[in-house]
N, C-alpha and C. Protein backbone atom coordinates (compact mmCIF):
# COMPACT_ATOMS: atom_id res chain seq x y z
N MET A 1 -8.56 -8.98 24.67
CA MET A 1 -7.16 -9.40 24.44
C MET A 1 -6.27 -8.94 25.62
N SER A 2 -5.42 -9.83 26.03
CA SER A 2 -4.62 -9.55 27.31
C SER A 2 -3.56 -8.55 26.95
N GLN A 3 -3.08 -7.81 27.90
CA GLN A 3 -1.93 -6.92 27.62
C GLN A 3 -0.70 -7.67 27.32
N ASN A 4 -0.46 -8.76 28.04
CA ASN A 4 0.71 -9.58 27.70
C ASN A 4 0.75 -10.03 26.22
N PHE A 5 -0.44 -10.44 25.69
CA PHE A 5 -0.46 -10.88 24.24
C PHE A 5 -0.13 -9.73 23.35
N LEU A 6 -0.74 -8.48 23.67
CA LEU A 6 -0.38 -7.32 22.86
C LEU A 6 1.05 -6.88 22.87
N GLN A 7 1.73 -7.02 24.15
CA GLN A 7 3.07 -6.73 24.23
C GLN A 7 3.97 -7.73 23.54
N ASP A 8 3.48 -8.94 23.46
CA ASP A 8 4.22 -10.05 22.81
C ASP A 8 4.17 -9.87 21.27
N GLN A 9 2.97 -9.39 20.89
CA GLN A 9 2.75 -9.23 19.47
C GLN A 9 3.72 -8.03 18.97
N CYS A 10 3.82 -7.09 19.79
CA CYS A 10 4.74 -5.89 19.46
C CYS A 10 6.20 -6.34 19.44
N SER A 11 6.55 -7.10 20.51
CA SER A 11 7.96 -7.62 20.61
C SER A 11 8.20 -8.50 19.43
N GLY A 12 7.25 -9.47 19.09
CA GLY A 12 7.44 -10.36 17.98
C GLY A 12 7.67 -9.60 16.69
N PHE A 13 7.00 -8.42 16.40
CA PHE A 13 7.27 -7.68 15.27
C PHE A 13 8.65 -7.13 15.24
N LEU A 14 9.02 -6.56 16.34
CA LEU A 14 10.42 -5.99 16.48
C LEU A 14 11.55 -6.99 16.30
N ASN A 15 11.30 -8.25 16.78
CA ASN A 15 12.27 -9.26 16.70
C ASN A 15 12.27 -10.09 15.46
N THR A 16 11.26 -9.70 14.57
CA THR A 16 11.27 -10.48 13.25
C THR A 16 12.17 -9.62 12.35
N PRO A 17 13.38 -10.30 11.77
CA PRO A 17 14.28 -9.51 11.03
C PRO A 17 13.62 -9.12 9.68
N PRO A 18 14.22 -8.02 9.11
CA PRO A 18 13.89 -7.63 7.70
C PRO A 18 14.39 -8.66 6.70
N LEU A 19 13.71 -8.90 5.65
CA LEU A 19 14.05 -9.92 4.72
C LEU A 19 15.39 -9.66 3.95
N TRP A 20 15.66 -8.38 3.79
CA TRP A 20 17.00 -7.96 3.41
C TRP A 20 17.51 -6.76 4.02
N GLU A 21 18.78 -6.39 3.95
CA GLU A 21 19.29 -5.28 4.61
C GLU A 21 19.62 -4.26 3.51
N ASN A 22 19.73 -2.96 3.87
CA ASN A 22 20.07 -1.88 2.98
C ASN A 22 19.22 -1.84 1.75
N ARG A 23 19.96 -1.83 0.61
CA ARG A 23 19.20 -1.64 -0.71
C ARG A 23 19.41 -2.92 -1.54
N GLU A 24 18.27 -3.63 -1.95
CA GLU A 24 18.38 -4.72 -2.74
C GLU A 24 17.08 -4.57 -3.71
N PHE A 25 17.18 -5.06 -4.82
CA PHE A 25 16.04 -5.07 -5.83
C PHE A 25 15.55 -3.66 -6.15
N GLY A 26 16.41 -2.70 -5.93
CA GLY A 26 15.92 -1.29 -6.22
C GLY A 26 15.15 -0.72 -5.05
N ILE A 27 15.08 -1.48 -3.90
CA ILE A 27 14.32 -0.96 -2.77
C ILE A 27 15.15 -0.84 -1.55
N GLN A 28 15.11 0.21 -0.89
CA GLN A 28 15.84 0.58 0.30
C GLN A 28 14.93 -0.03 1.42
N GLN A 29 15.55 -0.84 2.31
CA GLN A 29 14.85 -1.41 3.39
C GLN A 29 14.84 -0.42 4.54
N PHE A 30 13.68 -0.09 5.07
CA PHE A 30 13.56 0.72 6.35
C PHE A 30 14.19 0.12 7.53
N GLU A 31 15.11 0.86 8.16
CA GLU A 31 15.86 0.34 9.34
C GLU A 31 14.94 0.89 10.64
N PHE A 32 14.41 -0.08 11.19
CA PHE A 32 13.48 0.16 12.33
C PHE A 32 14.27 0.63 13.50
N PRO A 33 13.96 1.76 14.23
CA PRO A 33 14.76 2.21 15.28
C PRO A 33 14.80 1.17 16.43
N VAL A 34 15.83 1.35 17.17
CA VAL A 34 16.00 0.50 18.35
C VAL A 34 15.17 1.00 19.47
N LEU A 35 14.33 0.14 20.06
CA LEU A 35 13.39 0.69 21.03
C LEU A 35 13.49 -0.16 22.33
N ASP A 36 13.41 0.57 23.48
CA ASP A 36 13.39 -0.14 24.80
C ASP A 36 11.91 -0.10 25.15
N LEU A 37 11.31 -1.33 25.19
CA LEU A 37 9.85 -1.42 25.48
C LEU A 37 9.48 -1.49 26.89
N GLU A 38 10.37 -1.16 27.84
CA GLU A 38 10.14 -1.21 29.24
C GLU A 38 8.93 -0.34 29.61
N SER A 39 8.78 0.81 29.09
CA SER A 39 7.61 1.67 29.49
C SER A 39 6.54 1.69 28.36
N PHE A 40 6.71 0.91 27.35
CA PHE A 40 5.74 0.84 26.26
C PHE A 40 4.51 0.12 26.72
N HIS A 41 3.37 0.66 26.44
CA HIS A 41 2.05 0.05 26.76
C HIS A 41 1.25 -0.10 25.41
N ALA A 42 1.16 -1.26 24.96
CA ALA A 42 0.49 -1.58 23.68
C ALA A 42 -1.07 -1.25 23.78
N GLN A 43 -1.51 -0.70 22.74
CA GLN A 43 -3.00 -0.40 22.63
C GLN A 43 -3.70 -1.57 21.96
N PRO A 44 -4.94 -1.80 22.22
CA PRO A 44 -5.71 -2.85 21.56
C PRO A 44 -5.57 -2.85 20.11
N ILE A 45 -5.50 -3.96 19.49
CA ILE A 45 -5.45 -4.19 17.93
C ILE A 45 -6.65 -4.97 17.61
N PRO A 46 -7.37 -4.59 16.58
CA PRO A 46 -8.47 -5.43 16.12
C PRO A 46 -7.96 -6.90 15.82
N GLN A 47 -8.70 -7.88 16.18
CA GLN A 47 -8.30 -9.30 15.93
C GLN A 47 -9.02 -9.89 14.73
N ASN A 48 -10.04 -9.12 14.24
CA ASN A 48 -10.82 -9.72 13.09
C ASN A 48 -10.28 -9.23 11.76
N ILE A 49 -9.04 -8.75 11.79
CA ILE A 49 -8.47 -8.35 10.47
C ILE A 49 -7.18 -9.20 10.23
N ARG A 50 -6.75 -9.29 8.90
CA ARG A 50 -5.65 -10.04 8.63
C ARG A 50 -4.38 -9.62 9.38
N LEU A 51 -3.36 -10.52 9.42
CA LEU A 51 -2.15 -10.37 10.17
C LEU A 51 -1.41 -9.06 9.63
N GLY A 52 -1.46 -8.86 8.27
CA GLY A 52 -0.71 -7.71 7.81
C GLY A 52 -1.28 -6.48 8.19
N HIS A 53 -2.67 -6.39 8.32
CA HIS A 53 -3.31 -5.12 8.90
C HIS A 53 -3.12 -5.03 10.36
N GLN A 54 -3.02 -6.12 11.09
CA GLN A 54 -2.67 -5.98 12.58
C GLN A 54 -1.28 -5.47 12.64
N MET A 55 -0.35 -5.79 11.84
CA MET A 55 1.08 -5.30 11.94
C MET A 55 1.16 -3.85 11.60
N GLU A 56 0.12 -3.30 10.86
CA GLU A 56 0.19 -1.81 10.62
C GLU A 56 -0.16 -1.13 11.88
N TYR A 57 -1.08 -1.70 12.78
CA TYR A 57 -1.32 -1.07 14.02
C TYR A 57 -0.06 -1.20 14.92
N VAL A 58 0.51 -2.29 14.95
CA VAL A 58 1.83 -2.48 15.69
C VAL A 58 2.90 -1.52 15.25
N PHE A 59 3.08 -1.46 13.93
CA PHE A 59 4.07 -0.53 13.36
C PHE A 59 3.94 0.91 13.79
N LYS A 60 2.57 1.36 13.70
CA LYS A 60 2.31 2.68 14.00
C LYS A 60 2.45 3.00 15.47
N GLN A 61 1.98 2.03 16.37
CA GLN A 61 2.14 2.22 17.81
C GLN A 61 3.62 2.33 18.18
N LEU A 62 4.57 1.40 17.57
CA LEU A 62 5.92 1.43 17.88
C LEU A 62 6.61 2.71 17.42
N LEU A 63 6.21 3.26 16.19
CA LEU A 63 6.85 4.42 15.75
C LEU A 63 6.30 5.68 16.59
N ASP A 64 5.07 5.61 16.98
CA ASP A 64 4.58 6.73 17.79
C ASP A 64 5.29 6.84 19.16
N TYR A 65 5.66 5.60 19.57
CA TYR A 65 6.54 5.54 20.84
C TYR A 65 7.98 5.89 20.68
N SER A 66 8.47 5.75 19.45
CA SER A 66 9.83 6.09 19.11
C SER A 66 10.09 7.63 19.13
N SER A 67 11.27 8.00 19.57
CA SER A 67 11.60 9.44 19.55
C SER A 67 12.31 9.86 18.27
N ASP A 68 12.36 8.86 17.33
CA ASP A 68 13.19 8.99 16.08
C ASP A 68 12.33 9.48 15.00
N TYR A 69 11.05 9.01 15.01
CA TYR A 69 10.07 9.30 13.90
C TYR A 69 8.70 9.94 14.34
N GLU A 70 8.12 10.66 13.43
CA GLU A 70 6.75 11.09 13.57
C GLU A 70 5.92 10.57 12.39
N VAL A 71 4.84 9.82 12.79
CA VAL A 71 3.95 9.41 11.66
C VAL A 71 3.08 10.62 11.23
N LEU A 72 3.36 11.03 9.98
CA LEU A 72 2.50 12.04 9.39
C LEU A 72 1.20 11.63 8.87
N LEU A 73 1.21 10.39 8.23
CA LEU A 73 -0.12 9.87 7.82
C LEU A 73 0.07 8.36 7.59
N HIS A 74 -1.02 7.63 7.60
CA HIS A 74 -1.01 6.26 7.28
C HIS A 74 -2.23 5.76 6.77
N ASN A 75 -2.23 4.75 5.91
CA ASN A 75 -3.42 4.20 5.33
C ASN A 75 -4.18 5.25 4.51
N LEU A 76 -3.45 6.04 3.71
CA LEU A 76 -4.13 7.10 2.87
C LEU A 76 -4.51 6.46 1.49
N PRO A 77 -5.83 6.39 1.20
CA PRO A 77 -6.20 5.80 -0.10
C PRO A 77 -5.91 6.86 -1.17
N ILE A 78 -5.42 6.36 -2.27
CA ILE A 78 -5.24 7.21 -3.54
C ILE A 78 -6.42 6.86 -4.49
N LYS A 79 -7.18 7.87 -4.82
CA LYS A 79 -8.35 7.58 -5.59
C LYS A 79 -8.40 8.43 -6.86
N ASP A 80 -9.01 7.71 -7.85
CA ASP A 80 -9.33 8.37 -9.21
C ASP A 80 -10.90 8.56 -9.13
N GLU A 81 -11.31 9.75 -8.68
CA GLU A 81 -12.71 9.94 -8.50
C GLU A 81 -13.19 8.97 -7.48
N LYS A 82 -14.01 7.99 -7.88
CA LYS A 82 -14.59 7.16 -6.74
C LYS A 82 -13.81 5.77 -6.77
N ARG A 83 -12.90 5.53 -7.75
CA ARG A 83 -12.18 4.21 -7.76
C ARG A 83 -10.92 4.40 -6.93
N THR A 84 -10.61 3.48 -5.99
CA THR A 84 -9.41 3.46 -5.25
C THR A 84 -8.25 2.82 -6.14
N LEU A 85 -7.15 3.47 -6.30
CA LEU A 85 -6.01 2.97 -7.15
C LEU A 85 -5.00 2.22 -6.27
N GLY A 86 -5.01 2.64 -4.97
CA GLY A 86 -4.04 2.09 -4.08
C GLY A 86 -4.05 2.74 -2.68
N GLU A 87 -3.09 2.42 -1.90
CA GLU A 87 -3.10 2.98 -0.49
C GLU A 87 -1.69 3.31 -0.15
N ILE A 88 -1.39 4.46 0.47
CA ILE A 88 0.00 4.70 1.04
C ILE A 88 -0.08 4.15 2.44
N ASP A 89 0.91 3.32 2.75
CA ASP A 89 0.91 2.73 4.11
C ASP A 89 1.32 3.83 5.18
N PHE A 90 2.54 4.38 4.95
CA PHE A 90 2.95 5.38 5.94
C PHE A 90 3.79 6.42 5.29
N ILE A 91 3.71 7.68 5.83
CA ILE A 91 4.52 8.78 5.55
C ILE A 91 5.13 9.15 6.95
N LEU A 92 6.47 9.08 7.00
CA LEU A 92 7.09 9.34 8.29
C LEU A 92 8.06 10.51 8.12
N LYS A 93 8.31 11.17 9.29
CA LYS A 93 9.22 12.27 9.28
C LYS A 93 10.33 11.84 10.22
N ASN A 94 11.67 11.77 9.74
CA ASN A 94 12.74 11.48 10.58
C ASN A 94 13.06 12.73 11.37
N LEU A 95 12.96 12.60 12.69
CA LEU A 95 12.97 13.85 13.53
C LEU A 95 14.43 14.38 13.66
N GLN A 96 15.46 13.52 13.41
CA GLN A 96 16.86 14.05 13.40
C GLN A 96 17.18 14.72 12.14
N THR A 97 16.83 14.13 10.98
CA THR A 97 17.21 14.73 9.72
C THR A 97 16.16 15.63 8.99
N GLN A 98 14.93 15.49 9.62
CA GLN A 98 13.67 16.17 9.00
C GLN A 98 13.30 15.69 7.60
N LYS A 99 13.82 14.58 7.19
CA LYS A 99 13.54 13.96 5.89
C LYS A 99 12.31 13.26 6.01
N LEU A 100 11.58 13.21 4.88
CA LEU A 100 10.24 12.45 4.79
C LEU A 100 10.47 11.13 4.10
N ILE A 101 9.84 10.13 4.63
CA ILE A 101 10.04 8.72 4.15
C ILE A 101 8.61 8.08 3.88
N HIS A 102 8.44 7.60 2.67
CA HIS A 102 7.25 6.80 2.38
C HIS A 102 7.63 5.34 2.68
N VAL A 103 6.91 4.74 3.59
CA VAL A 103 7.21 3.30 3.91
C VAL A 103 6.09 2.41 3.56
N GLU A 104 6.31 1.38 2.78
CA GLU A 104 5.37 0.34 2.53
C GLU A 104 5.67 -0.78 3.51
N LEU A 105 4.77 -1.26 4.32
CA LEU A 105 5.03 -2.24 5.26
C LEU A 105 4.46 -3.65 4.77
N THR A 106 5.34 -4.72 4.93
CA THR A 106 4.94 -5.97 4.62
C THR A 106 5.50 -6.97 5.65
N CYS A 107 4.65 -7.85 6.04
CA CYS A 107 4.91 -8.92 6.98
C CYS A 107 4.45 -10.23 6.41
N LYS A 108 5.40 -11.13 6.18
CA LYS A 108 5.09 -12.35 5.50
C LYS A 108 5.61 -13.63 6.11
N PHE A 109 4.86 -14.72 5.83
CA PHE A 109 5.40 -16.06 6.11
C PHE A 109 5.76 -16.72 4.72
N TYR A 110 6.92 -17.15 4.52
CA TYR A 110 7.07 -17.86 3.22
C TYR A 110 7.69 -19.25 3.50
N ILE A 111 7.28 -20.24 2.75
CA ILE A 111 7.84 -21.68 2.70
C ILE A 111 8.84 -21.61 1.50
N ILE A 112 9.98 -22.15 1.75
CA ILE A 112 11.02 -22.23 0.64
C ILE A 112 10.79 -23.50 -0.10
N ASN A 113 10.46 -23.44 -1.43
CA ASN A 113 10.33 -24.59 -2.25
C ASN A 113 11.65 -24.92 -2.97
N PRO A 114 12.41 -25.86 -2.55
CA PRO A 114 13.74 -26.10 -3.21
C PRO A 114 13.61 -26.76 -4.58
N GLU A 115 12.37 -27.08 -4.94
CA GLU A 115 12.23 -27.74 -6.26
C GLU A 115 12.28 -26.54 -7.33
N ILE A 116 12.11 -25.36 -7.00
CA ILE A 116 12.17 -24.17 -7.92
C ILE A 116 13.66 -23.76 -7.98
N LYS A 117 14.17 -23.61 -9.06
CA LYS A 117 15.63 -23.49 -9.32
C LYS A 117 16.06 -22.00 -9.07
N THR A 118 15.22 -21.07 -9.30
CA THR A 118 15.61 -19.63 -9.12
C THR A 118 15.37 -19.29 -7.63
N PRO A 119 16.49 -19.02 -6.87
CA PRO A 119 16.40 -18.78 -5.50
C PRO A 119 15.20 -17.76 -5.03
N LEU A 120 15.13 -16.68 -5.61
CA LEU A 120 14.18 -15.69 -5.12
C LEU A 120 12.70 -16.02 -5.45
N GLN A 121 12.58 -16.92 -6.39
CA GLN A 121 11.17 -17.38 -6.68
C GLN A 121 10.79 -18.64 -5.83
N GLN A 122 11.65 -19.04 -4.96
CA GLN A 122 11.40 -20.22 -4.10
C GLN A 122 10.46 -19.78 -2.92
N LEU A 123 10.42 -18.50 -2.57
CA LEU A 123 9.65 -18.15 -1.48
C LEU A 123 8.10 -18.04 -1.72
N ILE A 124 7.33 -18.92 -1.23
CA ILE A 124 5.89 -19.05 -1.54
C ILE A 124 5.10 -18.90 -0.26
N GLY A 125 4.18 -18.11 -0.21
CA GLY A 125 3.24 -17.91 0.91
C GLY A 125 2.34 -19.17 1.14
N PRO A 126 1.68 -19.36 2.35
CA PRO A 126 0.84 -20.43 2.52
C PRO A 126 -0.24 -20.56 1.51
N ASN A 127 -0.78 -19.63 0.88
CA ASN A 127 -1.93 -19.83 -0.05
C ASN A 127 -1.42 -20.09 -1.44
N LYS A 128 -0.06 -20.24 -1.73
CA LYS A 128 0.65 -20.43 -2.89
C LYS A 128 0.49 -19.44 -4.03
N ARG A 129 -0.40 -18.38 -3.83
CA ARG A 129 -0.44 -17.28 -4.78
C ARG A 129 0.39 -16.15 -4.26
N ASP A 130 0.85 -16.13 -2.97
CA ASP A 130 1.47 -15.10 -2.39
C ASP A 130 3.03 -15.32 -2.59
N LEU A 131 3.57 -14.84 -3.74
CA LEU A 131 4.94 -15.05 -3.96
C LEU A 131 5.79 -13.94 -3.64
N PHE A 132 7.01 -14.01 -3.04
CA PHE A 132 7.88 -13.00 -2.65
C PHE A 132 8.18 -12.14 -3.85
N PHE A 133 8.62 -12.76 -4.96
CA PHE A 133 9.07 -12.05 -6.07
C PHE A 133 8.02 -11.11 -6.66
N ALA A 134 6.75 -11.58 -6.70
CA ALA A 134 5.58 -10.73 -7.14
C ALA A 134 5.36 -9.62 -6.22
N LYS A 135 5.43 -9.83 -4.87
CA LYS A 135 5.26 -8.79 -3.94
C LYS A 135 6.26 -7.79 -4.02
N MET A 136 7.49 -8.16 -4.07
CA MET A 136 8.58 -7.23 -4.19
C MET A 136 8.49 -6.37 -5.44
N GLU A 137 8.09 -6.96 -6.57
CA GLU A 137 7.94 -6.22 -7.82
C GLU A 137 6.71 -5.27 -7.78
N LYS A 138 5.67 -5.64 -7.08
CA LYS A 138 4.55 -4.77 -6.94
C LYS A 138 4.82 -3.58 -6.08
N ILE A 139 5.68 -3.75 -5.03
CA ILE A 139 6.04 -2.57 -4.25
C ILE A 139 6.90 -1.62 -5.05
N ARG A 140 7.82 -2.14 -5.77
CA ARG A 140 8.81 -1.33 -6.56
C ARG A 140 8.21 -0.68 -7.82
N ASP A 141 7.41 -1.51 -8.43
CA ASP A 141 6.94 -1.04 -9.78
C ASP A 141 5.51 -0.48 -9.79
N GLN A 142 4.81 -0.61 -8.65
CA GLN A 142 3.44 -0.12 -8.66
C GLN A 142 3.14 0.78 -7.45
N GLN A 143 3.52 0.36 -6.27
CA GLN A 143 3.14 1.13 -5.13
C GLN A 143 4.06 2.39 -4.95
N PHE A 144 5.30 2.30 -5.20
CA PHE A 144 6.20 3.47 -5.16
C PHE A 144 5.76 4.48 -6.17
N PRO A 145 5.65 4.06 -7.47
CA PRO A 145 5.30 4.96 -8.58
C PRO A 145 3.91 5.62 -8.34
N LEU A 146 2.97 4.98 -7.64
CA LEU A 146 1.61 5.42 -7.49
C LEU A 146 1.65 6.83 -6.85
N LEU A 147 2.61 7.17 -6.00
CA LEU A 147 2.69 8.48 -5.38
C LEU A 147 3.05 9.63 -6.36
N HIS A 148 3.63 9.18 -7.51
CA HIS A 148 4.08 10.08 -8.57
C HIS A 148 2.99 10.36 -9.63
N THR A 149 1.82 9.71 -9.48
CA THR A 149 0.85 9.86 -10.50
C THR A 149 0.01 11.14 -10.10
N PRO A 150 -0.68 11.74 -11.01
CA PRO A 150 -1.45 13.00 -10.67
C PRO A 150 -2.36 12.72 -9.37
N GLU A 151 -2.96 11.57 -9.33
CA GLU A 151 -3.82 11.18 -8.11
C GLU A 151 -2.96 11.15 -6.92
N GLY A 152 -1.84 10.48 -6.92
CA GLY A 152 -0.98 10.48 -5.73
C GLY A 152 -0.53 11.72 -5.36
N ILE A 153 -0.01 12.57 -6.31
CA ILE A 153 0.46 13.89 -6.01
C ILE A 153 -0.57 14.78 -5.28
N LYS A 154 -1.80 14.68 -5.84
CA LYS A 154 -2.94 15.46 -5.27
C LYS A 154 -3.29 15.00 -3.85
N ALA A 155 -3.22 13.66 -3.57
CA ALA A 155 -3.59 13.19 -2.19
C ALA A 155 -2.55 13.64 -1.25
N LEU A 156 -1.31 13.60 -1.67
CA LEU A 156 -0.27 14.08 -0.70
C LEU A 156 -0.38 15.61 -0.50
N GLU A 157 -0.46 16.30 -1.58
CA GLU A 157 -0.60 17.81 -1.45
C GLU A 157 -1.74 18.23 -0.57
N ASN A 158 -2.80 17.40 -0.56
CA ASN A 158 -4.00 17.72 0.38
C ASN A 158 -3.60 17.53 1.82
N HIS A 159 -2.47 16.95 2.09
CA HIS A 159 -1.91 16.74 3.47
C HIS A 159 -0.60 17.50 3.61
N GLY A 160 -0.31 18.43 2.67
CA GLY A 160 0.87 19.25 2.82
C GLY A 160 2.16 18.60 2.59
N ILE A 161 2.12 17.60 1.78
CA ILE A 161 3.41 16.86 1.51
C ILE A 161 3.70 16.81 0.04
N ALA A 162 4.88 17.18 -0.30
CA ALA A 162 5.36 17.30 -1.61
C ALA A 162 6.02 16.07 -1.97
N VAL A 163 5.66 15.34 -2.97
CA VAL A 163 6.13 14.00 -3.40
C VAL A 163 7.64 14.04 -3.73
N ASN A 164 8.10 15.20 -4.22
CA ASN A 164 9.53 15.27 -4.49
C ASN A 164 10.41 15.33 -3.33
N LYS A 165 9.81 15.46 -2.27
CA LYS A 165 10.58 15.48 -0.88
C LYS A 165 10.62 14.07 -0.25
N LEU A 166 10.08 13.06 -0.86
CA LEU A 166 9.90 11.71 -0.29
C LEU A 166 10.99 10.83 -0.65
N ALA A 167 11.53 9.98 0.24
CA ALA A 167 12.33 8.77 -0.05
C ALA A 167 11.44 7.65 0.10
N HIS A 168 11.46 6.65 -0.80
CA HIS A 168 10.66 5.43 -0.76
C HIS A 168 11.44 4.41 -0.10
N GLN A 169 10.83 3.75 0.88
CA GLN A 169 11.48 2.56 1.56
C GLN A 169 10.36 1.59 1.89
N CYS A 170 10.89 0.34 2.19
CA CYS A 170 10.01 -0.68 2.45
C CYS A 170 10.42 -1.35 3.73
N CYS A 171 9.46 -1.62 4.74
CA CYS A 171 9.75 -2.47 5.86
C CYS A 171 9.12 -3.83 5.57
N PHE A 172 10.02 -4.75 5.10
CA PHE A 172 9.60 -6.03 4.74
C PHE A 172 10.15 -7.03 5.65
N LYS A 173 9.27 -7.40 6.56
CA LYS A 173 9.67 -8.42 7.59
C LYS A 173 9.13 -9.76 7.18
N ALA A 174 9.89 -10.86 7.45
CA ALA A 174 9.39 -12.18 6.92
C ALA A 174 9.98 -13.24 7.94
N GLN A 175 9.29 -14.39 7.90
CA GLN A 175 9.75 -15.55 8.61
C GLN A 175 9.74 -16.60 7.48
N LEU A 176 10.94 -17.31 7.32
CA LEU A 176 11.06 -18.33 6.23
C LEU A 176 11.10 -19.73 6.86
N TYR A 177 10.45 -20.61 6.09
CA TYR A 177 10.47 -21.98 6.59
C TYR A 177 10.97 -22.90 5.56
N VAL A 178 12.01 -23.82 5.89
CA VAL A 178 12.65 -24.62 5.09
C VAL A 178 12.21 -26.03 5.27
N SER A 179 12.47 -26.96 4.41
CA SER A 179 12.13 -28.35 4.53
C SER A 179 12.96 -28.92 5.66
N TYR A 180 12.41 -29.68 6.51
CA TYR A 180 13.08 -30.21 7.61
C TYR A 180 14.36 -30.97 7.19
N GLY A 181 15.46 -30.59 7.85
CA GLY A 181 16.76 -31.18 7.64
C GLY A 181 17.51 -30.47 6.41
N ASP A 182 16.90 -29.53 5.76
CA ASP A 182 17.62 -28.86 4.61
C ASP A 182 18.66 -27.84 5.09
N LYS A 183 19.91 -28.06 4.86
CA LYS A 183 20.91 -27.25 5.38
C LYS A 183 21.55 -26.55 4.20
N LYS A 184 21.09 -26.70 3.01
CA LYS A 184 21.79 -26.14 1.77
C LYS A 184 21.03 -24.92 1.23
N THR A 185 20.07 -24.42 1.78
CA THR A 185 19.27 -23.32 1.25
C THR A 185 20.13 -22.13 1.24
N ASN A 186 20.25 -21.51 -0.09
CA ASN A 186 20.98 -20.34 -0.37
C ASN A 186 20.02 -19.23 -1.01
N LEU A 187 19.66 -18.25 -0.25
CA LEU A 187 18.85 -17.24 -0.75
C LEU A 187 19.41 -15.87 -0.81
N ASN A 188 20.66 -15.87 -1.12
CA ASN A 188 21.33 -14.54 -1.16
C ASN A 188 20.64 -13.68 -2.19
N PRO A 189 20.34 -12.36 -1.97
CA PRO A 189 20.93 -11.54 -0.81
C PRO A 189 20.08 -11.43 0.39
N LEU A 190 19.08 -12.37 0.57
CA LEU A 190 18.20 -12.28 1.68
C LEU A 190 18.80 -12.58 3.00
N THR A 191 18.37 -12.10 4.10
CA THR A 191 18.90 -12.22 5.44
C THR A 191 18.55 -13.61 5.86
N LYS A 192 19.76 -14.28 6.31
CA LYS A 192 19.70 -15.57 6.77
C LYS A 192 18.85 -15.67 8.16
N ASN A 193 18.90 -14.67 8.86
CA ASN A 193 18.20 -14.74 10.27
C ASN A 193 16.61 -14.97 10.12
N CYS A 194 16.16 -14.69 8.93
CA CYS A 194 14.72 -14.89 8.83
C CYS A 194 14.33 -16.39 8.80
């Protein structure tokens, strides 16, 4: 994989806007730090994995490059004996405030289906089972609470992290596609730049 392609992949991630700003749906959007990539040198990313997993490599490299955050852990499985219950994407430390942040990372492509009347349910992934509303609810109602289960608490304590010190956030980046010529799409409160 060429260095230019890797750099472009990282720039593409940075330039993809978050699907919403601030707090919506009970989820705080992670505000990615502003980075000057002039001296950034992207490391190889496995290409035989799904795009979302590739973006985890990009996210980690960019935060490691940032002077604002320290990545304390990433991709930590939460297990109940031998069964995996879920995975923590990232635990970050804000180096200015010293606060700890649990970040779930999501990068999606959605087609907007104007035939569906409820705006937030109009966002459908290419495989038609990947629905924005379902993903957002899973993050809020399953992935965030997972850290507060006995198994989640134990996994974090094994890494010296107290769950009551964590703020939950989501880095939800997306590109939305509308029907050709459709100028009436209204997806408030989602970011129009997507």
